[in-house]
Amino acid sequence: MSITDAIRGGGTDAKLYFAVGGLSLLKALAVRGDRGRFRSELADAALFLGIGVVLQRAEQRRSAKLGDVDRLRKEVRRQFGREEEPSGLRHRARKRLGREEEAESQSMADRILG
C-alpha cells in the first residue's frame, strides 16, 4: 500500500495501525525481561501508534474539506441557481410560434460548478 492510498483510506487504516500498536505494547510487556527486545517493541508500538494518529488527523481534515466543498456548492446553487426567464422579443416570438429552443443553456450554477 502506498502512502497516498493510506492517507485516502476511509478511517479503517488508522484503526488498523492503532490495533497493531496496541499489540506491540502487549508484546513489549511480555518480553520486558529482555531489555533489547523490550525497547525494540516499544519503538515499534510508538511508530504504529504515531502513524495511526497521523492517519486519523488526515481523515478528519479530509472530511472537513469535503464538508466545506459541499457547503460551497450549495451556496453557489442557492445564489446562482435561479435564473430569470428570457424576456426578449425574440424569445416571445419563438414561444408564440412554437419553436422553443431545443438545447437549453446550462444554468449559471452548473457552469460555475462544472
N, C-alpha and C. Protein backbone atom coordinates (compact mmCIF):
# COMPACT_ATOMS: atom_id res chain seq x y z
N MET A 1 0.85 -1.17 0.00
CA MET A 1 0.00 0.00 0.00
C MET A 1 0.90 1.23 0.00
N SER A 2 0.60 2.17 -0.91
CA SER A 2 1.39 3.39 -0.97
C SER A 2 0.93 4.36 0.11
N ILE A 3 1.73 5.37 0.32
CA ILE A 3 1.42 6.37 1.36
C ILE A 3 0.14 7.11 1.00
N THR A 4 -0.04 7.46 -0.28
CA THR A 4 -1.25 8.20 -0.66
C THR A 4 -2.50 7.35 -0.48
N ASP A 5 -2.40 6.04 -0.75
CA ASP A 5 -3.55 5.16 -0.52
C ASP A 5 -3.88 5.09 0.97
N ALA A 6 -2.85 5.08 1.79
CA ALA A 6 -3.08 5.03 3.24
C ALA A 6 -3.74 6.32 3.73
N ILE A 7 -3.32 7.45 3.17
CA ILE A 7 -3.90 8.73 3.61
C ILE A 7 -5.34 8.85 3.13
N ARG A 8 -5.65 8.34 1.94
CA ARG A 8 -7.01 8.42 1.40
C ARG A 8 -7.95 7.41 2.02
N GLY A 9 -7.47 6.54 2.87
CA GLY A 9 -8.29 5.48 3.44
C GLY A 9 -9.51 6.01 4.16
N GLY A 10 -10.50 5.15 4.34
CA GLY A 10 -11.77 5.55 4.92
C GLY A 10 -11.78 5.53 6.43
N GLY A 11 -10.66 5.61 7.09
CA GLY A 11 -10.63 5.62 8.54
C GLY A 11 -10.28 4.27 9.14
N THR A 12 -10.40 3.21 8.36
CA THR A 12 -10.09 1.88 8.89
C THR A 12 -8.59 1.67 9.00
N ASP A 13 -7.82 2.38 8.16
CA ASP A 13 -6.37 2.26 8.22
C ASP A 13 -5.84 2.74 9.57
N ALA A 14 -6.36 3.85 10.06
CA ALA A 14 -5.92 4.38 11.35
C ALA A 14 -6.24 3.38 12.46
N LYS A 15 -7.41 2.78 12.40
CA LYS A 15 -7.79 1.80 13.42
C LYS A 15 -6.88 0.58 13.36
N LEU A 16 -6.49 0.20 12.16
CA LEU A 16 -5.59 -0.93 11.99
C LEU A 16 -4.24 -0.64 12.63
N TYR A 17 -3.72 0.56 12.38
CA TYR A 17 -2.44 0.93 12.97
C TYR A 17 -2.53 1.03 14.49
N PHE A 18 -3.66 1.52 15.00
CA PHE A 18 -3.84 1.56 16.46
C PHE A 18 -3.85 0.14 17.04
N ALA A 19 -4.49 -0.78 16.34
CA ALA A 19 -4.56 -2.16 16.81
C ALA A 19 -3.17 -2.81 16.82
N VAL A 20 -2.41 -2.60 15.76
CA VAL A 20 -1.06 -3.17 15.70
C VAL A 20 -0.17 -2.53 16.77
N GLY A 21 -0.32 -1.23 16.99
CA GLY A 21 0.44 -0.56 18.04
C GLY A 21 0.10 -1.10 19.41
N GLY A 22 -1.18 -1.36 19.66
CA GLY A 22 -1.60 -1.93 20.93
C GLY A 22 -1.04 -3.33 21.13
N LEU A 23 -1.05 -4.13 20.07
CA LEU A 23 -0.46 -5.48 20.16
C LEU A 23 1.04 -5.41 20.41
N SER A 24 1.70 -4.43 19.81
CA SER A 24 3.14 -4.27 20.06
C SER A 24 3.40 -3.89 21.51
N LEU A 25 2.51 -3.07 22.08
CA LEU A 25 2.66 -2.74 23.50
C LEU A 25 2.50 -3.98 24.38
N LEU A 26 1.51 -4.80 24.05
CA LEU A 26 1.32 -6.04 24.81
C LEU A 26 2.52 -6.97 24.66
N LYS A 27 3.06 -7.02 23.46
CA LYS A 27 4.24 -7.86 23.23
C LYS A 27 5.44 -7.32 24.00
N ALA A 28 5.55 -6.00 24.08
CA ALA A 28 6.65 -5.39 24.85
C ALA A 28 6.52 -5.76 26.32
N LEU A 29 5.30 -5.79 26.82
CA LEU A 29 5.11 -6.19 28.22
C LEU A 29 5.47 -7.65 28.43
N ALA A 30 5.21 -8.47 27.41
CA ALA A 30 5.51 -9.90 27.53
C ALA A 30 7.02 -10.16 27.55
N VAL A 31 7.78 -9.35 26.84
CA VAL A 31 9.24 -9.57 26.76
C VAL A 31 10.02 -8.53 27.57
N ARG A 32 9.42 -7.99 28.60
CA ARG A 32 10.07 -6.92 29.35
C ARG A 32 11.34 -7.37 30.08
N GLY A 33 11.55 -8.68 30.20
CA GLY A 33 12.77 -9.17 30.84
C GLY A 33 13.99 -8.94 29.96
N ASP A 34 13.82 -9.02 28.64
CA ASP A 34 14.92 -8.80 27.70
C ASP A 34 14.92 -7.33 27.31
N ARG A 35 15.92 -6.61 27.80
CA ARG A 35 15.98 -5.16 27.64
C ARG A 35 15.99 -4.73 26.17
N GLY A 36 16.74 -5.40 25.32
CA GLY A 36 16.84 -5.03 23.91
C GLY A 36 15.54 -5.24 23.16
N ARG A 37 14.91 -6.39 23.35
CA ARG A 37 13.62 -6.65 22.68
C ARG A 37 12.53 -5.74 23.21
N PHE A 38 12.58 -5.42 24.51
CA PHE A 38 11.58 -4.53 25.10
C PHE A 38 11.63 -3.16 24.43
N ARG A 39 12.85 -2.62 24.29
CA ARG A 39 12.99 -1.31 23.64
C ARG A 39 12.56 -1.37 22.18
N SER A 40 12.89 -2.45 21.51
CA SER A 40 12.52 -2.61 20.11
C SER A 40 11.00 -2.64 19.96
N GLU A 41 10.33 -3.40 20.82
CA GLU A 41 8.86 -3.48 20.76
C GLU A 41 8.21 -2.15 21.12
N LEU A 42 8.78 -1.44 22.08
CA LEU A 42 8.25 -0.12 22.43
C LEU A 42 8.40 0.85 21.26
N ALA A 43 9.54 0.78 20.58
CA ALA A 43 9.74 1.65 19.41
C ALA A 43 8.74 1.31 18.30
N ASP A 44 8.52 0.02 18.07
CA ASP A 44 7.53 -0.40 17.07
C ASP A 44 6.13 0.09 17.45
N ALA A 45 5.78 -0.06 18.71
CA ALA A 45 4.45 0.38 19.17
C ALA A 45 4.29 1.88 18.98
N ALA A 46 5.32 2.64 19.34
CA ALA A 46 5.25 4.09 19.18
C ALA A 46 5.12 4.47 17.72
N LEU A 47 5.84 3.77 16.86
CA LEU A 47 5.76 4.05 15.42
C LEU A 47 4.35 3.78 14.89
N PHE A 48 3.79 2.64 15.20
CA PHE A 48 2.45 2.31 14.71
C PHE A 48 1.39 3.25 15.28
N LEU A 49 1.49 3.56 16.56
CA LEU A 49 0.52 4.47 17.16
C LEU A 49 0.64 5.88 16.56
N GLY A 50 1.87 6.31 16.31
CA GLY A 50 2.07 7.63 15.68
C GLY A 50 1.49 7.69 14.29
N ILE A 51 1.70 6.64 13.51
CA ILE A 51 1.12 6.60 12.16
C ILE A 51 -0.40 6.59 12.24
N GLY A 52 -0.94 5.88 13.22
CA GLY A 52 -2.40 5.86 13.39
C GLY A 52 -2.95 7.24 13.69
N VAL A 53 -2.25 7.98 14.54
CA VAL A 53 -2.70 9.34 14.87
C VAL A 53 -2.64 10.23 13.63
N VAL A 54 -1.56 10.14 12.86
CA VAL A 54 -1.43 10.96 11.65
C VAL A 54 -2.54 10.62 10.66
N LEU A 55 -2.81 9.35 10.45
CA LEU A 55 -3.87 8.95 9.52
C LEU A 55 -5.24 9.41 9.99
N GLN A 56 -5.48 9.35 11.29
CA GLN A 56 -6.76 9.79 11.82
C GLN A 56 -6.95 11.30 11.61
N ARG A 57 -5.90 12.06 11.87
CA ARG A 57 -6.00 13.52 11.65
C ARG A 57 -6.17 13.86 10.18
N ALA A 58 -5.47 13.13 9.30
CA ALA A 58 -5.61 13.37 7.87
C ALA A 58 -7.04 13.09 7.42
N GLU A 59 -7.63 12.03 7.94
CA GLU A 59 -9.03 11.70 7.58
C GLU A 59 -9.99 12.78 8.09
N GLN A 60 -9.75 13.30 9.28
CA GLN A 60 -10.61 14.36 9.82
C GLN A 60 -10.49 15.62 8.97
N ARG A 61 -9.28 15.97 8.56
CA ARG A 61 -9.10 17.15 7.72
C ARG A 61 -9.74 16.96 6.36
N ARG A 62 -9.61 15.76 5.82
CA ARG A 62 -10.21 15.47 4.52
C ARG A 62 -11.73 15.59 4.58
N SER A 63 -12.32 15.04 5.62
CA SER A 63 -13.78 15.12 5.73
C SER A 63 -14.23 16.56 5.97
N ALA A 64 -13.44 17.34 6.69
CA ALA A 64 -13.78 18.76 6.89
C ALA A 64 -13.72 19.51 5.56
N LYS A 65 -12.71 19.22 4.75
CA LYS A 65 -12.61 19.88 3.45
C LYS A 65 -13.77 19.49 2.54
N LEU A 66 -14.15 18.22 2.56
CA LEU A 66 -15.29 17.79 1.75
C LEU A 66 -16.57 18.47 2.21
N GLY A 67 -16.72 18.66 3.51
CA GLY A 67 -17.88 19.39 4.02
C GLY A 67 -17.89 20.83 3.56
N ASP A 68 -16.70 21.46 3.54
CA ASP A 68 -16.61 22.83 3.05
C ASP A 68 -16.97 22.93 1.58
N VAL A 69 -16.52 21.97 0.79
CA VAL A 69 -16.83 21.97 -0.64
C VAL A 69 -18.32 21.78 -0.85
N ASP A 70 -18.94 20.89 -0.10
CA ASP A 70 -20.39 20.69 -0.23
C ASP A 70 -21.16 21.95 0.14
N ARG A 71 -20.74 22.61 1.22
CA ARG A 71 -21.40 23.85 1.61
C ARG A 71 -21.24 24.92 0.54
N LEU A 72 -20.05 25.00 -0.07
CA LEU A 72 -19.81 25.98 -1.11
C LEU A 72 -20.68 25.70 -2.33
N ARG A 73 -20.81 24.42 -2.70
CA ARG A 73 -21.66 24.08 -3.85
C ARG A 73 -23.12 24.44 -3.59
N LYS A 74 -23.59 24.17 -2.38
CA LYS A 74 -24.98 24.53 -2.05
C LYS A 74 -25.18 26.03 -2.10
N GLU A 75 -24.19 26.77 -1.62
CA GLU A 75 -24.29 28.23 -1.63
C GLU A 75 -24.29 28.76 -3.07
N VAL A 76 -23.45 28.21 -3.93
CA VAL A 76 -23.43 28.65 -5.33
C VAL A 76 -24.76 28.33 -5.99
N ARG A 77 -25.29 27.14 -5.75
CA ARG A 77 -26.59 26.79 -6.34
C ARG A 77 -27.69 27.72 -5.81
N ARG A 78 -27.61 28.07 -4.53
CA ARG A 78 -28.62 28.95 -3.96
C ARG A 78 -28.51 30.35 -4.56
N GLN A 79 -27.28 30.82 -4.75
CA GLN A 79 -27.07 32.17 -5.27
C GLN A 79 -27.39 32.28 -6.76
N PHE A 80 -26.90 31.29 -7.54
CA PHE A 80 -26.97 31.42 -8.99
C PHE A 80 -27.89 30.42 -9.66
N GLY A 81 -28.54 29.59 -8.90
CA GLY A 81 -29.36 28.53 -9.48
C GLY A 81 -30.62 29.03 -10.13
N ARG A 82 -31.20 30.08 -9.64
CA ARG A 82 -32.46 30.58 -10.17
C ARG A 82 -32.18 31.67 -11.20
N GLU A 83 -32.37 31.32 -12.43
CA GLU A 83 -32.20 32.32 -13.48
C GLU A 83 -33.56 32.77 -13.96
N GLU A 84 -33.62 34.01 -14.38
CA GLU A 84 -34.89 34.55 -14.84
C GLU A 84 -35.19 34.03 -16.24
N GLU A 85 -36.47 34.02 -16.56
CA GLU A 85 -36.90 33.65 -17.90
C GLU A 85 -36.42 34.72 -18.87
N PRO A 86 -35.96 34.31 -20.04
CA PRO A 86 -35.61 35.32 -21.04
C PRO A 86 -36.87 36.07 -21.46
N SER A 87 -36.77 37.36 -21.53
CA SER A 87 -37.98 38.14 -21.80
C SER A 87 -37.84 38.99 -23.06
N GLY A 88 -36.90 38.66 -23.90
CA GLY A 88 -36.70 39.44 -25.12
C GLY A 88 -37.76 39.18 -26.16
N LEU A 89 -37.82 40.04 -27.15
CA LEU A 89 -38.78 39.93 -28.23
C LEU A 89 -38.58 38.63 -29.01
N ARG A 90 -37.34 38.25 -29.25
CA ARG A 90 -37.05 37.03 -30.00
C ARG A 90 -37.59 35.82 -29.25
N HIS A 91 -37.40 35.78 -27.93
CA HIS A 91 -37.87 34.64 -27.14
C HIS A 91 -39.40 34.54 -27.18
N ARG A 92 -40.07 35.69 -27.05
CA ARG A 92 -41.53 35.67 -27.10
C ARG A 92 -42.05 35.24 -28.46
N ALA A 93 -41.38 35.66 -29.52
CA ALA A 93 -41.80 35.26 -30.87
C ALA A 93 -41.61 33.76 -31.07
N ARG A 94 -40.49 33.23 -30.64
CA ARG A 94 -40.26 31.79 -30.77
C ARG A 94 -41.27 31.00 -29.96
N LYS A 95 -41.58 31.50 -28.78
CA LYS A 95 -42.55 30.81 -27.93
C LYS A 95 -43.93 30.81 -28.58
N ARG A 96 -44.31 31.92 -29.14
CA ARG A 96 -45.62 32.04 -29.77
C ARG A 96 -45.71 31.16 -31.02
N LEU A 97 -44.62 31.08 -31.78
CA LEU A 97 -44.62 30.26 -32.99
C LEU A 97 -44.38 28.79 -32.69
N GLY A 98 -44.08 28.46 -31.45
CA GLY A 98 -43.90 27.06 -31.07
C GLY A 98 -42.51 26.52 -31.34
N ARG A 99 -41.59 27.38 -31.64
CA ARG A 99 -40.22 26.92 -31.89
C ARG A 99 -39.35 27.24 -30.68
N GLU A 100 -39.63 26.51 -29.64
CA GLU A 100 -38.85 26.68 -28.41
C GLU A 100 -37.44 26.12 -28.66
N GLU A 101 -36.47 26.71 -28.05
CA GLU A 101 -35.09 26.25 -28.23
C GLU A 101 -34.94 24.84 -27.67
N GLU A 102 -34.40 23.94 -28.50
CA GLU A 102 -34.23 22.56 -28.07
C GLU A 102 -33.13 22.43 -27.03
N ALA A 103 -32.03 23.06 -27.29
CA ALA A 103 -30.87 22.94 -26.39
C ALA A 103 -30.90 24.09 -25.39
N GLU A 104 -31.44 23.82 -24.24
CA GLU A 104 -31.47 24.84 -23.20
C GLU A 104 -30.06 25.05 -22.68
N SER A 105 -29.72 26.28 -22.45
CA SER A 105 -28.38 26.54 -21.93
C SER A 105 -28.31 26.15 -20.46
N GLN A 106 -27.12 25.86 -20.01
CA GLN A 106 -26.93 25.46 -18.62
C GLN A 106 -27.16 26.66 -17.71
N SER A 107 -27.57 26.36 -16.49
CA SER A 107 -27.76 27.44 -15.54
C SER A 107 -26.39 27.97 -15.11
N MET A 108 -26.40 29.13 -14.50
CA MET A 108 -25.16 29.75 -14.03
C MET A 108 -24.46 28.85 -13.03
N ALA A 109 -25.23 28.22 -12.13
CA ALA A 109 -24.62 27.35 -11.12
C ALA A 109 -23.95 26.15 -11.77
N ASP A 110 -24.58 25.57 -12.78
CA ASP A 110 -23.98 24.43 -13.47
C ASP A 110 -22.70 24.83 -14.18
N ARG A 111 -22.69 26.03 -14.76
CA ARG A 111 -21.47 26.49 -15.43
C ARG A 111 -20.36 26.77 -14.44
N ILE A 112 -20.68 27.29 -13.25
CA ILE A 112 -19.67 27.58 -12.25
C ILE A 112 -19.10 26.30 -11.67
N LEU A 113 -19.98 25.35 -11.34
CA LEU A 113 -19.54 24.12 -10.71
C LEU A 113 -18.97 23.12 -11.69
N GLY A 114 -19.16 23.33 -12.96
CA GLY A 114 -18.58 22.45 -13.98
C GLY A 114 -19.39 21.28 -14.17
